[in-house]
Amino acid sequence: MSTKWDDKSWQKEFLEMKFHSPADVKLLTQGVKGLKDAWRLGVLHVEYERLKKLQEENI
């Protein structure tokens, strides 16, 4: 499985899945500005995958 690093469709979907802090909304919509942002975006992506899996199990 290959990852498309420029694919941002998960970010739009994740914004609609739950409430986010203003800083996270900015990161998800405007993108990474540095190493700290890249780390946080990775954490958010793991959370997105976990929530997505839970949603699919409940269907």
PDB file of N, CA and C in Angstrom:
ATOM      1  N   MET A   1       0.844  -1.180   0.000  1.00  0.00           N
ATOM      2  CA  MET A   1       0.000   0.000   0.000  1.00  0.00           C
ATOM      3  C   MET A   1       0.886   1.239   0.000  1.00  0.00           C
ATOM      4  N   SER A   2       0.607   2.134  -0.898  1.00  0.00           N
ATOM      5  CA  SER A   2       1.380   3.375  -0.959  1.00  0.00           C
ATOM      6  C   SER A   2       0.539   4.528  -0.409  1.00  0.00           C
ATOM      7  N   THR A   3       1.225   5.493   0.158  1.00  0.00           N
ATOM      8  CA  THR A   3       0.561   6.661   0.732  1.00  0.00           C
ATOM      9  C   THR A   3       0.758   7.843  -0.200  1.00  0.00           C
ATOM     10  N   LYS A   4      -0.333   8.531  -0.486  1.00  0.00           N
ATOM     11  CA  LYS A   4      -0.246   9.763  -1.265  1.00  0.00           C
ATOM     12  C   LYS A   4      -0.140  10.910  -0.271  1.00  0.00           C
ATOM     13  N   TRP A   5       1.041  11.471  -0.151  1.00  0.00           N
ATOM     14  CA  TRP A   5       1.301  12.483   0.862  1.00  0.00           C
ATOM     15  C   TRP A   5       0.574  13.794   0.597  1.00  0.00           C
ATOM     16  N   ASP A   6       0.159  14.035  -0.651  1.00  0.00           N
ATOM     17  CA  ASP A   6      -0.554  15.269  -0.951  1.00  0.00           C
ATOM     18  C   ASP A   6      -2.073  15.107  -0.884  1.00  0.00           C
ATOM     19  N   ASP A   7      -2.554  13.927  -0.496  1.00  0.00           N
ATOM     20  CA  ASP A   7      -3.985  13.672  -0.388  1.00  0.00           C
ATOM     21  C   ASP A   7      -4.519  14.304   0.889  1.00  0.00           C
ATOM     22  N   LYS A   8      -5.418  15.278   0.755  1.00  0.00           N
ATOM     23  CA  LYS A   8      -5.960  15.991   1.917  1.00  0.00           C
ATOM     24  C   LYS A   8      -7.431  15.695   2.142  1.00  0.00           C
ATOM     25  N   SER A   9      -7.971  14.705   1.442  1.00  0.00           N
ATOM     26  CA  SER A   9      -9.388  14.404   1.589  1.00  0.00           C
ATOM     27  C   SER A   9      -9.733  13.939   3.005  1.00  0.00           C
ATOM     28  N   TRP A  10      -8.801  13.260   3.666  1.00  0.00           N
ATOM     29  CA  TRP A  10      -9.070  12.809   5.033  1.00  0.00           C
ATOM     30  C   TRP A  10      -9.227  13.990   5.971  1.00  0.00           C
ATOM     31  N   GLN A  11      -8.527  15.082   5.692  1.00  0.00           N
ATOM     32  CA  GLN A  11      -8.585  16.243   6.574  1.00  0.00           C
ATOM     33  C   GLN A  11      -9.974  16.873   6.533  1.00  0.00           C
ATOM     34  N   LYS A  12     -10.556  16.980   5.360  1.00  0.00           N
ATOM     35  CA  LYS A  12     -11.904  17.545   5.240  1.00  0.00           C
ATOM     36  C   LYS A  12     -12.917  16.659   5.946  1.00  0.00           C
ATOM     37  N   GLU A  13     -12.786  15.349   5.768  1.00  0.00           N
ATOM     38  CA  GLU A  13     -13.702  14.415   6.413  1.00  0.00           C
ATOM     39  C   GLU A  13     -13.538  14.457   7.939  1.00  0.00           C
ATOM     40  N   PHE A  14     -12.307  14.533   8.405  1.00  0.00           N
ATOM     41  CA  PHE A  14     -12.028  14.551   9.846  1.00  0.00           C
ATOM     42  C   PHE A  14     -12.588  15.801  10.501  1.00  0.00           C
ATOM     43  N   LEU A  15     -12.588  16.926   9.802  1.00  0.00           N
ATOM     44  CA  LEU A  15     -13.160  18.162  10.355  1.00  0.00           C
ATOM     45  C   LEU A  15     -14.636  17.996  10.686  1.00  0.00           C
ATOM     46  N   GLU A  16     -15.330  17.149   9.934  1.00  0.00           N
ATOM     47  CA  GLU A  16     -16.760  16.950  10.140  1.00  0.00           C
ATOM     48  C   GLU A  16     -17.063  15.851  11.153  1.00  0.00           C
ATOM     49  N   MET A  17     -16.058  15.087  11.560  1.00  0.00           N
ATOM     50  CA  MET A  17     -16.284  13.941  12.443  1.00  0.00           C
ATOM     51  C   MET A  17     -16.439  14.329  13.911  1.00  0.00           C
ATOM     52  N   LYS A  18     -15.789  15.406  14.341  1.00  0.00           N
ATOM     53  CA  LYS A  18     -15.805  15.775  15.761  1.00  0.00           C
ATOM     54  C   LYS A  18     -15.424  17.235  15.912  1.00  0.00           C
ATOM     55  N   PHE A  19     -15.562  17.746  17.134  1.00  0.00           N
ATOM     56  CA  PHE A  19     -15.157  19.113  17.437  1.00  0.00           C
ATOM     57  C   PHE A  19     -13.632  19.175  17.513  1.00  0.00           C
ATOM     58  N   HIS A  20     -13.055  20.252  16.979  1.00  0.00           N
ATOM     59  CA  HIS A  20     -11.608  20.451  17.003  1.00  0.00           C
ATOM     60  C   HIS A  20     -11.280  21.815  17.593  1.00  0.00           C
ATOM     61  N   SER A  21     -10.110  21.900  18.182  1.00  0.00           N
ATOM     62  CA  SER A  21      -9.638  23.186  18.694  1.00  0.00           C
ATOM     63  C   SER A  21      -9.362  24.113  17.510  1.00  0.00           C
ATOM     64  N   PRO A  22      -9.396  25.422  17.720  1.00  0.00           N
ATOM     65  CA  PRO A  22      -9.092  26.352  16.629  1.00  0.00           C
ATOM     66  C   PRO A  22      -7.714  26.102  16.010  1.00  0.00           C
ATOM     67  N   ALA A  23      -6.736  25.729  16.824  1.00  0.00           N
ATOM     68  CA  ALA A  23      -5.394  25.461  16.300  1.00  0.00           C
ATOM     69  C   ALA A  23      -5.403  24.241  15.379  1.00  0.00           C
ATOM     70  N   ASP A  24      -6.160  23.202  15.745  1.00  0.00           N
ATOM     71  CA  ASP A  24      -6.240  22.009  14.912  1.00  0.00           C
ATOM     72  C   ASP A  24      -6.995  22.289  13.615  1.00  0.00           C
ATOM     73  N   VAL A  25      -8.049  23.102  13.695  1.00  0.00           N
ATOM     74  CA  VAL A  25      -8.792  23.471  12.481  1.00  0.00           C
ATOM     75  C   VAL A  25      -7.868  24.207  11.516  1.00  0.00           C
ATOM     76  N   LYS A  26      -7.090  25.132  12.042  1.00  0.00           N
ATOM     77  CA  LYS A  26      -6.144  25.878  11.202  1.00  0.00           C
ATOM     78  C   LYS A  26      -5.124  24.939  10.569  1.00  0.00           C
ATOM     79  N   LEU A  27      -4.609  24.009  11.338  1.00  0.00           N
ATOM     80  CA  LEU A  27      -3.634  23.052  10.824  1.00  0.00           C
ATOM     81  C   LEU A  27      -4.241  22.176   9.737  1.00  0.00           C
ATOM     82  N   LEU A  28      -5.456  21.696   9.967  1.00  0.00           N
ATOM     83  CA  LEU A  28      -6.111  20.821   8.993  1.00  0.00           C
ATOM     84  C   LEU A  28      -6.488  21.557   7.710  1.00  0.00           C
ATOM     85  N   THR A  29      -6.775  22.846   7.798  1.00  0.00           N
ATOM     86  CA  THR A  29      -7.191  23.591   6.611  1.00  0.00           C
ATOM     87  C   THR A  29      -6.040  24.284   5.893  1.00  0.00           C
ATOM     88  N   GLN A  30      -5.051  24.770   6.651  1.00  0.00           N
ATOM     89  CA  GLN A  30      -3.980  25.548   6.042  1.00  0.00           C
ATOM     90  C   GLN A  30      -2.690  24.769   5.832  1.00  0.00           C
ATOM     91  N   GLY A  31      -2.537  23.663   6.529  1.00  0.00           N
ATOM     92  CA  GLY A  31      -1.362  22.836   6.331  1.00  0.00           C
ATOM     93  C   GLY A  31      -0.242  23.083   7.324  1.00  0.00           C
ATOM     94  N   VAL A  32       0.821  22.347   7.112  1.00  0.00           N
ATOM     95  CA  VAL A  32       1.970  22.318   8.012  1.00  0.00           C
ATOM     96  C   VAL A  32       2.904  23.490   7.749  1.00  0.00           C
ATOM     97  N   LYS A  33       3.368  24.107   8.839  1.00  0.00           N
ATOM     98  CA  LYS A  33       4.315  25.218   8.730  1.00  0.00           C
ATOM     99  C   LYS A  33       5.689  24.862   9.295  1.00  0.00           C
ATOM    100  N   GLY A  34       5.771  23.765  10.047  1.00  0.00           N
ATOM    101  CA  GLY A  34       7.047  23.387  10.651  1.00  0.00           C
ATOM    102  C   GLY A  34       6.988  21.984  11.225  1.00  0.00           C
ATOM    103  N   LEU A  35       8.034  21.597  11.911  1.00  0.00           N
ATOM    104  CA  LEU A  35       8.153  20.257  12.468  1.00  0.00           C
ATOM    105  C   LEU A  35       7.069  19.968  13.500  1.00  0.00           C
ATOM    106  N   LYS A  36       6.784  20.925  14.363  1.00  0.00           N
ATOM    107  CA  LYS A  36       5.742  20.735  15.380  1.00  0.00           C
ATOM    108  C   LYS A  36       4.391  20.485  14.723  1.00  0.00           C
ATOM    109  N   ASP A  37       4.076  21.241  13.679  1.00  0.00           N
ATOM    110  CA  ASP A  37       2.820  21.047  12.946  1.00  0.00           C
ATOM    111  C   ASP A  37       2.768  19.676  12.285  1.00  0.00           C
ATOM    112  N   ALA A  38       3.875  19.240  11.729  1.00  0.00           N
ATOM    113  CA  ALA A  38       3.933  17.930  11.069  1.00  0.00           C
ATOM    114  C   ALA A  38       3.672  16.819  12.081  1.00  0.00           C
ATOM    115  N   TRP A  39       4.259  16.953  13.269  1.00  0.00           N
ATOM    116  CA  TRP A  39       4.031  15.967  14.323  1.00  0.00           C
ATOM    117  C   TRP A  39       2.560  15.950  14.725  1.00  0.00           C
ATOM    118  N   ARG A  40       1.985  17.126  14.936  1.00  0.00           N
ATOM    119  CA  ARG A  40       0.573  17.215  15.349  1.00  0.00           C
ATOM    120  C   ARG A  40      -0.357  16.661  14.270  1.00  0.00           C
ATOM    121  N   LEU A  41      -0.060  16.939  13.004  1.00  0.00           N
ATOM    122  CA  LEU A  41      -0.876  16.430  11.919  1.00  0.00           C
ATOM    123  C   LEU A  41      -0.826  14.903  11.890  1.00  0.00           C
ATOM    124  N   GLY A  42       0.329  14.334  12.176  1.00  0.00           N
ATOM    125  CA  GLY A  42       0.449  12.881  12.259  1.00  0.00           C
ATOM    126  C   GLY A  42      -0.424  12.307  13.369  1.00  0.00           C
ATOM    127  N   VAL A  43      -0.441  12.985  14.515  1.00  0.00           N
ATOM    128  CA  VAL A  43      -1.282  12.563  15.633  1.00  0.00           C
ATOM    129  C   VAL A  43      -2.758  12.639  15.238  1.00  0.00           C
ATOM    130  N   LEU A  44      -3.143  13.706  14.559  1.00  0.00           N
ATOM    131  CA  LEU A  44      -4.532  13.859  14.116  1.00  0.00           C
ATOM    132  C   LEU A  44      -4.907  12.779  13.107  1.00  0.00           C
ATOM    133  N   HIS A  45      -3.978  12.410  12.250  1.00  0.00           N
ATOM    134  CA  HIS A  45      -4.263  11.380  11.249  1.00  0.00           C
ATOM    135  C   HIS A  45      -4.485  10.022  11.915  1.00  0.00           C
ATOM    136  N   VAL A  46      -3.714   9.718  12.935  1.00  0.00           N
ATOM    137  CA  VAL A  46      -3.914   8.467  13.679  1.00  0.00           C
ATOM    138  C   VAL A  46      -5.289   8.477  14.344  1.00  0.00           C
ATOM    139  N   GLU A  47      -5.673   9.614  14.918  1.00  0.00           N
ATOM    140  CA  GLU A  47      -7.000   9.729  15.538  1.00  0.00           C
ATOM    141  C   GLU A  47      -8.095   9.569  14.491  1.00  0.00           C
ATOM    142  N   TYR A  48      -7.902  10.156  13.306  1.00  0.00           N
ATOM    143  CA  TYR A  48      -8.866  10.011  12.217  1.00  0.00           C
ATOM    144  C   TYR A  48      -9.034   8.539  11.839  1.00  0.00           C
ATOM    145  N   GLU A  49      -7.927   7.834  11.692  1.00  0.00           N
ATOM    146  CA  GLU A  49      -8.001   6.412  11.316  1.00  0.00           C
ATOM    147  C   GLU A  49      -8.739   5.599  12.368  1.00  0.00           C
ATOM    148  N   ARG A  50      -8.511   5.913  13.650  1.00  0.00           N
ATOM    149  CA  ARG A  50      -9.189   5.208  14.738  1.00  0.00           C
ATOM    150  C   ARG A  50     -10.696   5.466  14.694  1.00  0.00           C
ATOM    151  N   LEU A  51     -11.090   6.736  14.531  1.00  0.00           N
ATOM    152  CA  LEU A  51     -12.512   7.076  14.466  1.00  0.00           C
ATOM    153  C   LEU A  51     -13.177   6.481  13.229  1.00  0.00           C
ATOM    154  N   LYS A  52     -12.477   6.474  12.125  1.00  0.00           N
ATOM    155  CA  LYS A  52     -13.008   5.914  10.876  1.00  0.00           C
ATOM    156  C   LYS A  52     -13.272   4.413  11.051  1.00  0.00           C
ATOM    157  N   LYS A  53     -12.337   3.727  11.687  1.00  0.00           N
ATOM    158  CA  LYS A  53     -12.502   2.292  11.927  1.00  0.00           C
ATOM    159  C   LYS A  53     -13.701   2.033  12.831  1.00  0.00           C
ATOM    160  N   LEU A  54     -13.865   2.844  13.877  1.00  0.00           N
ATOM    161  CA  LEU A  54     -15.013   2.695  14.767  1.00  0.00           C
ATOM    162  C   LEU A  54     -16.329   2.928  14.037  1.00  0.00           C
ATOM    163  N   GLN A  55     -16.355   3.925  13.155  1.00  0.00           N
ATOM    164  CA  GLN A  55     -17.562   4.203  12.376  1.00  0.00           C
ATOM    165  C   GLN A  55     -17.914   3.022  11.472  1.00  0.00           C
ATOM    166  N   GLU A  56     -16.904   2.453  10.822  1.00  0.00           N
ATOM    167  CA  GLU A  56     -17.154   1.340   9.920  1.00  0.00           C
ATOM    168  C   GLU A  56     -17.628   0.102  10.661  1.00  0.00           C
ATOM    169  N   GLU A  57     -17.157  -0.098  11.895  1.00  0.00           N
ATOM    170  CA  GLU A  57     -17.585  -1.236  12.694  1.00  0.00           C
ATOM    171  C   GLU A  57     -19.031  -1.076  13.153  1.00  0.00           C
ATOM    172  N   ASN A  58     -19.488   0.158  13.327  1.00  0.00           N
ATOM    173  CA  ASN A  58     -20.847   0.414  13.804  1.00  0.00           C
ATOM    174  C   ASN A  58     -21.887   0.384  12.695  1.00  0.00           C
ATOM    175  N   ILE A  59     -21.456   0.323  11.478  1.00  0.00           N
ATOM    176  CA  ILE A  59     -22.405   0.333  10.351  1.00  0.00           C
ATOM    177  C   ILE A  59     -22.944  -1.048  10.101  1.00  0.00           C
TER     178      ILE A  59
END
